[in-house]
Amino acid sequence: MRYYPALVNLKNKKAVVVGGGRVAERKVRHLIDAGAYVKVVSPAITGYLRKLADNGLLEHIQRNYRKGDLNNAFVAIAATSSTVLNTQIAREAKHLVNVIDMPSEGNYIVPSIVRRGPLTIAVSTEGASPAISKTIRKEIEERYGKEFALYLRHVEAVRKRAMEKILSEKKREKFLKSLASDEVIVTLRTKGFRAAQKIISSSLDNAIND
């Protein structure tokens, strides 16, 4: 099966997770981070999920799954230990459904993800080897550290200023490309955010005043 890679806006969308174990916990964490309204259906849940429920970050339905629990769900995740139940959930889902350990039963899979502020890097082997995805993700995590989150947040503001202040289209395009130059990226990795910030600040001043 070939998958179409996409980043989905789940803000205020209903997500139903069936299952309350460690796997469900990981899925719930990502759904909440994406702004989804999360409902967990399971007789028992982990201590972490209980804390989230107590803080109003998810709704816990303390019972086994029933037909109709997926009504109006934009995303469904079958994270139970029963393959029969997971298949049932997949067939009843109307939109996006992910089935743990049985990707062919659903219509989307969740890649290994690296987040650094606005930067999201997803790695997938399309279900062929989740272990390889995890290994590659760890390599990316080492190569793209927290300094990239700081840099990208700063670049967002710098880019807005450049669009307003650099009147020449040619100079503006040249400056925007320089934000991702080898010099800046190498400096970011070897000397940190402050050093990279100095380079682009100086470059922006020159582009504005030239």
N, C-alpha and C. Protein backbone atom coordinates (compact mmCIF):
# COMPACT_ATOMS: atom_id res chain seq x y z
N MET A 1 0.84 -1.19 0.00
CA MET A 1 0.00 0.00 0.00
C MET A 1 0.88 1.25 0.00
N ARG A 2 0.55 2.21 -0.85
CA ARG A 2 1.28 3.47 -0.90
C ARG A 2 0.43 4.55 -0.22
N TYR A 3 1.09 5.38 0.60
CA TYR A 3 0.38 6.41 1.34
C TYR A 3 0.73 7.79 0.80
N TYR A 4 -0.25 8.68 0.85
CA TYR A 4 -0.04 10.07 0.45
C TYR A 4 0.36 10.87 1.67
N PRO A 5 1.59 11.42 1.71
CA PRO A 5 2.04 12.17 2.89
C PRO A 5 1.33 13.50 3.01
N ALA A 6 0.83 13.81 4.20
CA ALA A 6 0.12 15.06 4.43
C ALA A 6 0.18 15.42 5.90
N LEU A 7 0.11 16.72 6.20
CA LEU A 7 0.00 17.18 7.58
C LEU A 7 -1.43 17.67 7.76
N VAL A 8 -2.14 17.11 8.72
CA VAL A 8 -3.57 17.35 8.88
C VAL A 8 -3.84 18.31 10.03
N ASN A 9 -4.72 19.27 9.79
CA ASN A 9 -5.14 20.21 10.84
C ASN A 9 -6.23 19.55 11.68
N LEU A 10 -5.90 19.25 12.95
CA LEU A 10 -6.87 18.60 13.84
C LEU A 10 -7.44 19.55 14.89
N LYS A 11 -7.19 20.84 14.72
CA LYS A 11 -7.67 21.81 15.69
C LYS A 11 -9.18 21.68 15.89
N ASN A 12 -9.58 21.38 17.13
CA ASN A 12 -11.00 21.25 17.51
C ASN A 12 -11.72 20.10 16.81
N LYS A 13 -10.98 19.20 16.19
CA LYS A 13 -11.59 18.03 15.57
C LYS A 13 -11.73 16.91 16.61
N LYS A 14 -12.78 16.12 16.47
CA LYS A 14 -13.01 15.02 17.42
C LYS A 14 -12.15 13.83 17.06
N ALA A 15 -11.42 13.34 18.05
CA ALA A 15 -10.58 12.14 17.87
C ALA A 15 -10.96 11.12 18.92
N VAL A 16 -11.23 9.90 18.50
CA VAL A 16 -11.59 8.82 19.42
C VAL A 16 -10.49 7.78 19.43
N VAL A 17 -9.96 7.51 20.62
CA VAL A 17 -8.94 6.49 20.79
C VAL A 17 -9.55 5.36 21.60
N VAL A 18 -9.55 4.16 21.03
CA VAL A 18 -10.10 3.01 21.73
C VAL A 18 -8.92 2.21 22.29
N GLY A 19 -8.84 2.14 23.61
CA GLY A 19 -7.71 1.52 24.28
C GLY A 19 -7.09 2.51 25.24
N GLY A 20 -6.53 2.00 26.34
CA GLY A 20 -6.01 2.91 27.36
C GLY A 20 -4.62 2.58 27.83
N GLY A 21 -3.87 1.82 27.03
CA GLY A 21 -2.52 1.42 27.41
C GLY A 21 -1.45 2.39 26.97
N ARG A 22 -0.19 1.92 26.97
CA ARG A 22 0.94 2.78 26.64
C ARG A 22 0.90 3.28 25.20
N VAL A 23 0.47 2.41 24.29
CA VAL A 23 0.39 2.83 22.89
C VAL A 23 -0.66 3.93 22.73
N ALA A 24 -1.81 3.73 23.34
CA ALA A 24 -2.86 4.74 23.29
C ALA A 24 -2.36 6.05 23.90
N GLU A 25 -1.58 5.93 24.95
CA GLU A 25 -1.03 7.12 25.63
C GLU A 25 -0.20 7.96 24.67
N ARG A 26 0.66 7.31 23.89
CA ARG A 26 1.49 8.04 22.92
C ARG A 26 0.62 8.72 21.86
N LYS A 27 -0.39 8.01 21.39
CA LYS A 27 -1.26 8.57 20.37
C LYS A 27 -2.03 9.78 20.90
N VAL A 28 -2.53 9.64 22.12
CA VAL A 28 -3.30 10.72 22.74
C VAL A 28 -2.44 11.97 22.90
N ARG A 29 -1.21 11.78 23.31
CA ARG A 29 -0.31 12.92 23.52
C ARG A 29 -0.18 13.75 22.24
N HIS A 30 0.02 13.08 21.11
CA HIS A 30 0.17 13.78 19.83
C HIS A 30 -1.14 14.44 19.40
N LEU A 31 -2.26 13.78 19.65
CA LEU A 31 -3.55 14.36 19.27
C LEU A 31 -3.84 15.63 20.06
N ILE A 32 -3.55 15.61 21.34
CA ILE A 32 -3.77 16.80 22.18
C ILE A 32 -2.85 17.93 21.74
N ASP A 33 -1.60 17.60 21.44
CA ASP A 33 -0.65 18.61 20.97
C ASP A 33 -1.14 19.26 19.69
N ALA A 34 -1.88 18.50 18.87
CA ALA A 34 -2.39 19.03 17.61
C ALA A 34 -3.69 19.80 17.78
N GLY A 35 -4.20 19.86 19.00
CA GLY A 35 -5.41 20.64 19.26
C GLY A 35 -6.71 19.89 19.10
N ALA A 36 -6.64 18.57 19.02
CA ALA A 36 -7.86 17.78 18.84
C ALA A 36 -8.63 17.65 20.15
N TYR A 37 -9.95 17.43 20.00
CA TYR A 37 -10.79 17.09 21.15
C TYR A 37 -10.76 15.58 21.26
N VAL A 38 -10.19 15.05 22.32
CA VAL A 38 -9.91 13.62 22.42
C VAL A 38 -10.86 12.91 23.38
N LYS A 39 -11.40 11.79 22.89
CA LYS A 39 -12.21 10.91 23.73
C LYS A 39 -11.54 9.54 23.75
N VAL A 40 -11.30 9.01 24.94
CA VAL A 40 -10.68 7.69 25.10
C VAL A 40 -11.74 6.72 25.62
N VAL A 41 -11.91 5.62 24.91
CA VAL A 41 -12.87 4.60 25.32
C VAL A 41 -12.09 3.37 25.78
N SER A 42 -12.17 3.09 27.09
CA SER A 42 -11.45 1.94 27.64
C SER A 42 -11.86 1.73 29.09
N PRO A 43 -12.00 0.47 29.52
CA PRO A 43 -12.34 0.21 30.92
C PRO A 43 -11.27 0.74 31.88
N ALA A 44 -10.01 0.69 31.44
CA ALA A 44 -8.90 1.16 32.29
C ALA A 44 -7.94 1.98 31.44
N ILE A 45 -7.29 2.96 32.05
CA ILE A 45 -6.32 3.79 31.35
C ILE A 45 -5.07 3.96 32.21
N THR A 46 -3.98 4.39 31.60
CA THR A 46 -2.73 4.58 32.33
C THR A 46 -2.85 5.76 33.29
N GLY A 47 -1.91 5.83 34.20
CA GLY A 47 -1.90 6.95 35.14
C GLY A 47 -1.75 8.28 34.44
N TYR A 48 -0.95 8.32 33.38
CA TYR A 48 -0.75 9.57 32.63
C TYR A 48 -2.05 10.02 31.98
N LEU A 49 -2.78 9.07 31.37
CA LEU A 49 -4.05 9.41 30.75
C LEU A 49 -5.07 9.86 31.80
N ARG A 50 -5.00 9.26 32.99
CA ARG A 50 -5.89 9.65 34.07
C ARG A 50 -5.64 11.10 34.47
N LYS A 51 -4.37 11.49 34.52
CA LYS A 51 -4.04 12.88 34.85
C LYS A 51 -4.59 13.84 33.80
N LEU A 52 -4.47 13.45 32.52
CA LEU A 52 -4.99 14.29 31.44
C LEU A 52 -6.51 14.44 31.56
N ALA A 53 -7.17 13.32 31.90
CA ALA A 53 -8.63 13.36 32.05
C ALA A 53 -9.02 14.23 33.24
N ASP A 54 -8.30 14.10 34.35
CA ASP A 54 -8.59 14.90 35.55
C ASP A 54 -8.39 16.39 35.29
N ASN A 55 -7.48 16.72 34.36
CA ASN A 55 -7.21 18.12 34.03
C ASN A 55 -8.08 18.62 32.89
N GLY A 56 -9.04 17.80 32.45
CA GLY A 56 -9.97 18.22 31.42
C GLY A 56 -9.41 18.23 30.01
N LEU A 57 -8.28 17.53 29.79
CA LEU A 57 -7.65 17.53 28.48
C LEU A 57 -8.15 16.40 27.58
N LEU A 58 -8.89 15.48 28.16
CA LEU A 58 -9.54 14.44 27.37
C LEU A 58 -10.77 13.95 28.12
N GLU A 59 -11.66 13.29 27.37
CA GLU A 59 -12.85 12.68 27.96
C GLU A 59 -12.64 11.17 28.02
N HIS A 60 -12.82 10.59 29.19
CA HIS A 60 -12.64 9.15 29.34
C HIS A 60 -13.99 8.46 29.49
N ILE A 61 -14.28 7.56 28.57
CA ILE A 61 -15.48 6.73 28.64
C ILE A 61 -15.04 5.40 29.22
N GLN A 62 -15.37 5.15 30.49
CA GLN A 62 -14.85 4.00 31.22
C GLN A 62 -15.68 2.75 30.98
N ARG A 63 -15.52 2.17 29.82
CA ARG A 63 -16.21 0.92 29.47
C ARG A 63 -15.60 0.38 28.19
N ASN A 64 -16.05 -0.79 27.78
CA ASN A 64 -15.61 -1.36 26.51
C ASN A 64 -16.23 -0.61 25.34
N TYR A 65 -15.62 -0.74 24.20
CA TYR A 65 -16.09 -0.07 22.98
C TYR A 65 -17.48 -0.56 22.58
N ARG A 66 -18.31 0.38 22.13
CA ARG A 66 -19.63 0.06 21.62
C ARG A 66 -19.80 0.68 20.24
N LYS A 67 -20.61 0.04 19.42
CA LYS A 67 -20.93 0.61 18.12
C LYS A 67 -21.59 1.98 18.32
N GLY A 68 -21.12 2.96 17.60
CA GLY A 68 -21.63 4.32 17.74
C GLY A 68 -20.65 5.24 18.46
N ASP A 69 -19.62 4.66 19.09
CA ASP A 69 -18.64 5.50 19.78
C ASP A 69 -17.85 6.38 18.83
N LEU A 70 -17.84 6.01 17.55
CA LEU A 70 -17.09 6.80 16.57
C LEU A 70 -17.93 7.86 15.87
N ASN A 71 -19.17 8.03 16.28
CA ASN A 71 -20.03 9.02 15.65
C ASN A 71 -19.38 10.40 15.68
N ASN A 72 -19.33 11.05 14.52
CA ASN A 72 -18.78 12.41 14.36
C ASN A 72 -17.27 12.50 14.62
N ALA A 73 -16.61 11.36 14.66
CA ALA A 73 -15.15 11.38 14.87
C ALA A 73 -14.45 11.65 13.54
N PHE A 74 -13.56 12.63 13.55
CA PHE A 74 -12.76 12.92 12.37
C PHE A 74 -11.59 11.94 12.28
N VAL A 75 -11.07 11.55 13.45
CA VAL A 75 -9.96 10.60 13.53
C VAL A 75 -10.33 9.50 14.52
N ALA A 76 -10.03 8.26 14.17
CA ALA A 76 -10.22 7.14 15.09
C ALA A 76 -8.92 6.34 15.16
N ILE A 77 -8.58 5.92 16.37
CA ILE A 77 -7.39 5.09 16.54
C ILE A 77 -7.78 3.84 17.32
N ALA A 78 -7.54 2.69 16.70
CA ALA A 78 -7.82 1.42 17.35
C ALA A 78 -6.53 0.95 18.02
N ALA A 79 -6.49 1.04 19.34
CA ALA A 79 -5.27 0.72 20.09
C ALA A 79 -5.54 -0.31 21.16
N THR A 80 -6.36 -1.29 20.84
CA THR A 80 -6.65 -2.35 21.81
C THR A 80 -5.74 -3.55 21.55
N SER A 81 -5.78 -4.52 22.45
CA SER A 81 -4.98 -5.74 22.28
C SER A 81 -5.72 -6.81 21.49
N SER A 82 -6.94 -6.50 21.06
CA SER A 82 -7.76 -7.46 20.32
C SER A 82 -7.76 -7.13 18.83
N THR A 83 -7.25 -8.03 18.01
CA THR A 83 -7.24 -7.79 16.56
C THR A 83 -8.66 -7.79 16.00
N VAL A 84 -9.52 -8.58 16.60
CA VAL A 84 -10.92 -8.63 16.13
C VAL A 84 -11.60 -7.29 16.37
N LEU A 85 -11.41 -6.75 17.58
CA LEU A 85 -12.02 -5.46 17.90
C LEU A 85 -11.40 -4.34 17.07
N ASN A 86 -10.11 -4.37 16.89
CA ASN A 86 -9.45 -3.34 16.08
C ASN A 86 -9.99 -3.34 14.65
N THR A 87 -10.23 -4.52 14.10
CA THR A 87 -10.79 -4.62 12.75
C THR A 87 -12.21 -4.07 12.72
N GLN A 88 -12.99 -4.36 13.76
CA GLN A 88 -14.36 -3.84 13.84
C GLN A 88 -14.35 -2.32 13.86
N ILE A 89 -13.46 -1.75 14.65
CA ILE A 89 -13.35 -0.29 14.75
C ILE A 89 -12.99 0.31 13.40
N ALA A 90 -12.04 -0.32 12.70
CA ALA A 90 -11.62 0.17 11.39
C ALA A 90 -12.78 0.19 10.40
N ARG A 91 -13.62 -0.82 10.46
CA ARG A 91 -14.74 -0.90 9.52
C ARG A 91 -15.85 0.08 9.85
N GLU A 92 -15.95 0.47 11.11
CA GLU A 92 -17.01 1.39 11.51
C GLU A 92 -16.59 2.86 11.39
N ALA A 93 -15.30 3.11 11.24
CA ALA A 93 -14.82 4.48 11.14
C ALA A 93 -15.25 5.10 9.81
N LYS A 94 -15.68 6.36 9.85
CA LYS A 94 -16.18 7.04 8.66
C LYS A 94 -15.09 7.83 7.94
N HIS A 95 -14.07 8.27 8.68
CA HIS A 95 -13.05 9.13 8.08
C HIS A 95 -11.66 8.50 8.24
N LEU A 96 -10.79 9.15 8.99
CA LEU A 96 -9.44 8.65 9.18
C LEU A 96 -9.40 7.63 10.31
N VAL A 97 -8.78 6.48 10.05
CA VAL A 97 -8.65 5.47 11.09
C VAL A 97 -7.26 4.83 11.02
N ASN A 98 -6.63 4.75 12.18
CA ASN A 98 -5.31 4.13 12.31
C ASN A 98 -5.45 2.92 13.22
N VAL A 99 -4.95 1.78 12.76
CA VAL A 99 -5.03 0.55 13.54
C VAL A 99 -3.62 0.14 13.97
N ILE A 100 -3.40 0.10 15.26
CA ILE A 100 -2.09 -0.23 15.80
C ILE A 100 -1.67 -1.64 15.38
N ASP A 101 -0.44 -1.76 14.88
CA ASP A 101 0.16 -3.04 14.48
C ASP A 101 -0.53 -3.72 13.31
N MET A 102 -1.58 -3.09 12.76
CA MET A 102 -2.26 -3.64 11.59
C MET A 102 -2.57 -2.51 10.61
N PRO A 103 -1.54 -1.87 10.06
CA PRO A 103 -1.76 -0.67 9.23
C PRO A 103 -2.67 -0.91 8.03
N SER A 104 -2.68 -2.11 7.49
CA SER A 104 -3.50 -2.38 6.31
C SER A 104 -4.99 -2.33 6.62
N GLU A 105 -5.37 -2.44 7.90
CA GLU A 105 -6.78 -2.37 8.29
C GLU A 105 -7.30 -0.94 8.30
N GLY A 106 -6.40 0.03 8.43
CA GLY A 106 -6.81 1.44 8.46
C GLY A 106 -6.52 2.12 7.14
N ASN A 107 -6.71 3.45 7.11
CA ASN A 107 -6.44 4.19 5.88
C ASN A 107 -5.36 5.26 6.07
N TYR A 108 -4.74 5.31 7.27
CA TYR A 108 -3.58 6.18 7.44
C TYR A 108 -2.67 5.59 8.51
N ILE A 109 -1.41 5.95 8.42
CA ILE A 109 -0.43 5.51 9.41
C ILE A 109 0.23 6.74 10.00
N VAL A 110 0.78 6.57 11.19
CA VAL A 110 1.45 7.69 11.87
C VAL A 110 2.96 7.49 11.76
N PRO A 111 3.67 8.41 11.11
CA PRO A 111 5.11 8.26 10.94
C PRO A 111 5.86 8.56 12.24
N SER A 112 7.15 8.23 12.26
CA SER A 112 8.01 8.68 13.35
C SER A 112 8.23 10.18 13.14
N ILE A 113 8.09 10.96 14.20
CA ILE A 113 8.09 12.41 14.05
C ILE A 113 9.17 13.07 14.89
N VAL A 114 9.83 14.07 14.30
CA VAL A 114 10.76 14.93 15.02
C VAL A 114 10.19 16.34 14.95
N ARG A 115 10.00 16.96 16.10
CA ARG A 115 9.48 18.33 16.14
C ARG A 115 10.51 19.26 16.77
N ARG A 116 10.75 20.35 16.08
CA ARG A 116 11.62 21.41 16.59
C ARG A 116 10.92 22.73 16.33
N GLY A 117 10.03 23.09 17.25
CA GLY A 117 9.25 24.31 17.05
C GLY A 117 8.39 24.16 15.81
N PRO A 118 8.47 25.10 14.85
CA PRO A 118 7.66 25.03 13.64
C PRO A 118 8.11 23.93 12.68
N LEU A 119 9.29 23.36 12.93
CA LEU A 119 9.83 22.33 12.05
C LEU A 119 9.29 20.96 12.43
N THR A 120 8.68 20.28 11.47
CA THR A 120 8.21 18.91 11.66
C THR A 120 8.83 18.04 10.59
N ILE A 121 9.52 16.99 11.02
CA ILE A 121 10.13 16.05 10.09
C ILE A 121 9.50 14.68 10.35
N ALA A 122 8.91 14.10 9.32
CA ALA A 122 8.25 12.81 9.46
C ALA A 122 9.02 11.74 8.69
N VAL A 123 9.16 10.56 9.31
CA VAL A 123 9.86 9.44 8.69
C VAL A 123 8.93 8.24 8.64
N SER A 124 8.81 7.64 7.48
CA SER A 124 7.93 6.48 7.35
C SER A 124 8.51 5.46 6.39
N THR A 125 8.35 4.20 6.71
CA THR A 125 8.70 3.11 5.79
C THR A 125 7.42 2.47 5.26
N GLU A 126 6.30 3.19 5.41
CA GLU A 126 4.98 2.71 4.98
C GLU A 126 4.63 1.36 5.60
N GLY A 127 5.06 1.19 6.84
CA GLY A 127 4.72 -0.03 7.58
C GLY A 127 5.69 -1.17 7.38
N ALA A 128 6.67 -1.01 6.49
CA ALA A 128 7.61 -2.10 6.20
C ALA A 128 8.50 -2.41 7.41
N SER A 129 8.95 -1.34 8.09
CA SER A 129 9.81 -1.55 9.26
C SER A 129 9.75 -0.34 10.18
N PRO A 130 8.84 -0.35 11.15
CA PRO A 130 8.78 0.74 12.13
C PRO A 130 10.10 0.91 12.88
N ALA A 131 10.86 -0.17 13.05
CA ALA A 131 12.14 -0.10 13.76
C ALA A 131 13.14 0.76 13.00
N ILE A 132 13.15 0.65 11.66
CA ILE A 132 14.05 1.47 10.86
C ILE A 132 13.62 2.93 10.91
N SER A 133 12.32 3.18 10.88
CA SER A 133 11.82 4.55 11.02
C SER A 133 12.31 5.17 12.32
N LYS A 134 12.25 4.40 13.39
CA LYS A 134 12.68 4.88 14.71
C LYS A 134 14.17 5.19 14.72
N THR A 135 14.98 4.33 14.10
CA THR A 135 16.43 4.54 14.05
C THR A 135 16.76 5.82 13.28
N ILE A 136 16.10 6.01 12.14
CA ILE A 136 16.34 7.22 11.33
C ILE A 136 15.88 8.46 12.09
N ARG A 137 14.76 8.34 12.78
CA ARG A 137 14.27 9.46 13.57
C ARG A 137 15.28 9.90 14.61
N LYS A 138 15.92 8.94 15.27
CA LYS A 138 16.92 9.26 16.29
C LYS A 138 18.12 9.97 15.67
N GLU A 139 18.51 9.57 14.46
CA GLU A 139 19.61 10.24 13.77
C GLU A 139 19.24 11.69 13.46
N ILE A 140 18.01 11.89 13.02
CA ILE A 140 17.54 13.25 12.71
C ILE A 140 17.48 14.11 13.97
N GLU A 141 17.04 13.52 15.06
CA GLU A 141 16.96 14.25 16.33
C GLU A 141 18.33 14.78 16.75
N GLU A 142 19.37 13.99 16.50
CA GLU A 142 20.72 14.42 16.84
C GLU A 142 21.21 15.52 15.91
N ARG A 143 20.81 15.44 14.66
CA ARG A 143 21.28 16.41 13.66
C ARG A 143 20.53 17.74 13.74
N TYR A 144 19.28 17.68 14.13
CA TYR A 144 18.46 18.90 14.24
C TYR A 144 18.07 19.09 15.70
N GLY A 145 18.88 19.87 16.41
CA GLY A 145 18.66 20.08 17.83
C GLY A 145 17.69 21.21 18.12
N LYS A 146 17.59 21.55 19.39
CA LYS A 146 16.64 22.58 19.83
C LYS A 146 16.95 23.96 19.25
N GLU A 147 18.21 24.15 18.84
CA GLU A 147 18.57 25.45 18.27
C GLU A 147 17.79 25.76 17.00
N PHE A 148 17.31 24.70 16.30
CA PHE A 148 16.53 24.93 15.09
C PHE A 148 15.14 25.49 15.42
N ALA A 149 14.60 25.11 16.56
CA ALA A 149 13.31 25.68 16.98
C ALA A 149 13.46 27.17 17.25
N LEU A 150 14.51 27.56 17.96
CA LEU A 150 14.78 28.97 18.24
C LEU A 150 15.00 29.74 16.93
N TYR A 151 15.79 29.15 16.05
CA TYR A 151 16.11 29.82 14.80
C TYR A 151 14.87 30.04 13.94
N LEU A 152 14.03 29.03 13.80
CA LEU A 152 12.85 29.16 12.95
C LEU A 152 11.85 30.18 13.49
N ARG A 153 11.70 30.23 14.80
CA ARG A 153 10.81 31.25 15.38
C ARG A 153 11.35 32.64 15.09
N HIS A 154 12.67 32.78 15.18
CA HIS A 154 13.29 34.07 14.89
C HIS A 154 13.17 34.41 13.40
N VAL A 155 13.39 33.42 12.56
CA VAL A 155 13.32 33.62 11.11
C VAL A 155 11.93 34.08 10.67
N GLU A 156 10.91 33.59 11.33
CA GLU A 156 9.54 33.99 10.99
C GLU A 156 9.37 35.50 11.12
N ALA A 157 9.91 36.06 12.20
CA ALA A 157 9.82 37.51 12.42
C ALA A 157 10.72 38.26 11.44
N VAL A 158 11.92 37.73 11.23
CA VAL A 158 12.87 38.36 10.31
C VAL A 158 12.31 38.40 8.89
N ARG A 159 11.67 37.31 8.50
CA ARG A 159 11.11 37.25 7.15
C ARG A 159 10.03 38.32 6.93
N LYS A 160 9.20 38.52 7.94
CA LYS A 160 8.16 39.55 7.84
C LYS A 160 8.78 40.93 7.68
N ARG A 161 9.85 41.17 8.46
CA ARG A 161 10.52 42.47 8.35
C ARG A 161 11.16 42.65 6.99
N ALA A 162 11.75 41.59 6.46
CA ALA A 162 12.39 41.66 5.15
C ALA A 162 11.36 41.96 4.06
N MET A 163 10.18 41.35 4.16
CA MET A 163 9.14 41.59 3.16
C MET A 163 8.68 43.05 3.16
N GLU A 164 8.75 43.68 4.33
CA GLU A 164 8.31 45.07 4.46
C GLU A 164 9.41 46.07 4.12
N LYS A 165 10.65 45.75 4.49
CA LYS A 165 11.72 46.75 4.45
C LYS A 165 12.63 46.65 3.23
N ILE A 166 12.81 45.47 2.64
CA ILE A 166 13.67 45.35 1.47
C ILE A 166 12.84 45.60 0.22
N LEU A 167 13.02 46.73 -0.37
CA LEU A 167 12.15 47.17 -1.47
C LEU A 167 12.49 46.49 -2.79
N SER A 168 13.75 46.19 -2.99
CA SER A 168 14.15 45.53 -4.24
C SER A 168 13.77 44.05 -4.19
N GLU A 169 13.01 43.63 -5.19
CA GLU A 169 12.57 42.23 -5.22
C GLU A 169 13.76 41.28 -5.33
N LYS A 170 14.76 41.67 -6.12
CA LYS A 170 15.94 40.83 -6.32
C LYS A 170 16.73 40.69 -5.02
N LYS A 171 16.93 41.80 -4.31
CA LYS A 171 17.66 41.76 -3.04
C LYS A 171 16.88 41.00 -1.97
N ARG A 172 15.56 41.17 -2.00
CA ARG A 172 14.71 40.49 -1.02
C ARG A 172 14.78 38.98 -1.22
N GLU A 173 14.72 38.54 -2.47
CA GLU A 173 14.80 37.11 -2.76
C GLU A 173 16.15 36.54 -2.35
N LYS A 174 17.21 37.30 -2.61
CA LYS A 174 18.56 36.86 -2.24
C LYS A 174 18.70 36.72 -0.73
N PHE A 175 18.13 37.69 0.01
CA PHE A 175 18.21 37.63 1.47
C PHE A 175 17.43 36.44 2.01
N LEU A 176 16.23 36.22 1.50
CA LEU A 176 15.40 35.12 1.99
C LEU A 176 16.08 33.77 1.76
N LYS A 177 16.77 33.62 0.64
CA LYS A 177 17.51 32.39 0.38
C LYS A 177 18.67 32.24 1.35
N SER A 178 19.26 33.37 1.75
CA SER A 178 20.42 33.32 2.65
C SER A 178 20.05 32.81 4.04
N LEU A 179 18.77 32.85 4.39
CA LEU A 179 18.33 32.35 5.70
C LEU A 179 18.56 30.85 5.84
N ALA A 180 18.71 30.19 4.71
CA ALA A 180 18.94 28.73 4.73
C ALA A 180 20.29 28.39 4.10
N SER A 181 21.21 29.34 4.11
CA SER A 181 22.52 29.12 3.50
C SER A 181 23.33 28.10 4.31
N ASP A 182 24.32 27.52 3.64
CA ASP A 182 25.21 26.57 4.32
C ASP A 182 25.91 27.24 5.50
N GLU A 183 26.30 28.49 5.31
CA GLU A 183 27.01 29.21 6.38
C GLU A 183 26.15 29.31 7.63
N VAL A 184 24.89 29.68 7.44
CA VAL A 184 23.99 29.85 8.58
C VAL A 184 23.71 28.51 9.26
N ILE A 185 23.42 27.48 8.48
CA ILE A 185 23.09 26.17 9.06
C ILE A 185 24.28 25.59 9.80
N VAL A 186 25.47 25.69 9.22
CA VAL A 186 26.68 25.18 9.88
C VAL A 186 26.93 25.95 11.17
N THR A 187 26.77 27.28 11.11
CA THR A 187 26.96 28.10 12.30
C THR A 187 25.96 27.73 13.38
N LEU A 188 24.73 27.50 12.97
CA LEU A 188 23.67 27.12 13.91
C LEU A 188 24.03 25.82 14.63
N ARG A 189 24.56 24.86 13.88
CA ARG A 189 24.89 23.56 14.47
C ARG A 189 26.15 23.62 15.34
N THR A 190 27.13 24.40 14.91
CA THR A 190 28.43 24.38 15.61
C THR A 190 28.57 25.45 16.69
N LYS A 191 27.91 26.60 16.48
CA LYS A 191 28.09 27.71 17.41
C LYS A 191 26.80 28.12 18.13
N GLY A 192 25.66 27.61 17.65
CA GLY A 192 24.40 27.89 18.32
C GLY A 192 23.58 29.01 17.72
N PHE A 193 22.41 29.20 18.31
CA PHE A 193 21.43 30.14 17.78
C PHE A 193 21.93 31.58 17.74
N ARG A 194 22.58 32.05 18.81
CA ARG A 194 23.01 33.45 18.88
C ARG A 194 23.96 33.81 17.76
N ALA A 195 24.88 32.90 17.45
CA ALA A 195 25.85 33.16 16.39
C ALA A 195 25.15 33.25 15.03
N ALA A 196 24.19 32.36 14.79
CA ALA A 196 23.44 32.39 13.52
C ALA A 196 22.58 33.64 13.45
N GLN A 197 22.03 34.04 14.57
CA GLN A 197 21.20 35.24 14.63
C GLN A 197 22.00 36.48 14.23
N LYS A 198 23.24 36.56 14.66
CA LYS A 198 24.10 37.70 14.33
C LYS A 198 24.34 37.78 12.83
N ILE A 199 24.53 36.62 12.21
CA ILE A 199 24.78 36.60 10.77
C ILE A 199 23.59 37.15 10.00
N ILE A 200 22.40 36.66 10.32
CA ILE A 200 21.23 37.10 9.54
C ILE A 200 20.83 38.53 9.87
N SER A 201 21.08 38.97 11.10
CA SER A 201 20.78 40.36 11.48
C SER A 201 21.66 41.31 10.68
N SER A 202 22.93 40.97 10.58
CA SER A 202 23.86 41.79 9.81
C SER A 202 23.49 41.79 8.34
N SER A 203 23.11 40.61 7.84
CA SER A 203 22.72 40.49 6.44
C SER A 203 21.45 41.27 6.14
N LEU A 204 20.50 41.27 7.07
CA LEU A 204 19.26 42.01 6.88
C LEU A 204 19.52 43.52 6.87
N ASP A 205 20.33 44.00 7.78
CA ASP A 205 20.67 45.42 7.83
C ASP A 205 21.32 45.86 6.52
N ASN A 206 22.23 45.03 6.02
CA ASN A 206 22.91 45.37 4.77
C ASN A 206 21.93 45.41 3.61
N ALA A 207 20.99 44.46 3.59
CA ALA A 207 20.02 44.40 2.49
C ALA A 207 19.06 45.60 2.52
N ILE A 208 18.72 46.04 3.72
CA ILE A 208 17.80 47.18 3.86
C ILE A 208 18.49 48.49 3.49
N ASN A 209 19.73 48.63 3.94
CA ASN A 209 20.44 49.91 3.79
C ASN A 209 21.24 50.03 2.51
N ASP A 210 21.42 48.90 1.81
CA ASP A 210 22.22 48.94 0.59
C ASP A 210 21.47 49.66 -0.53
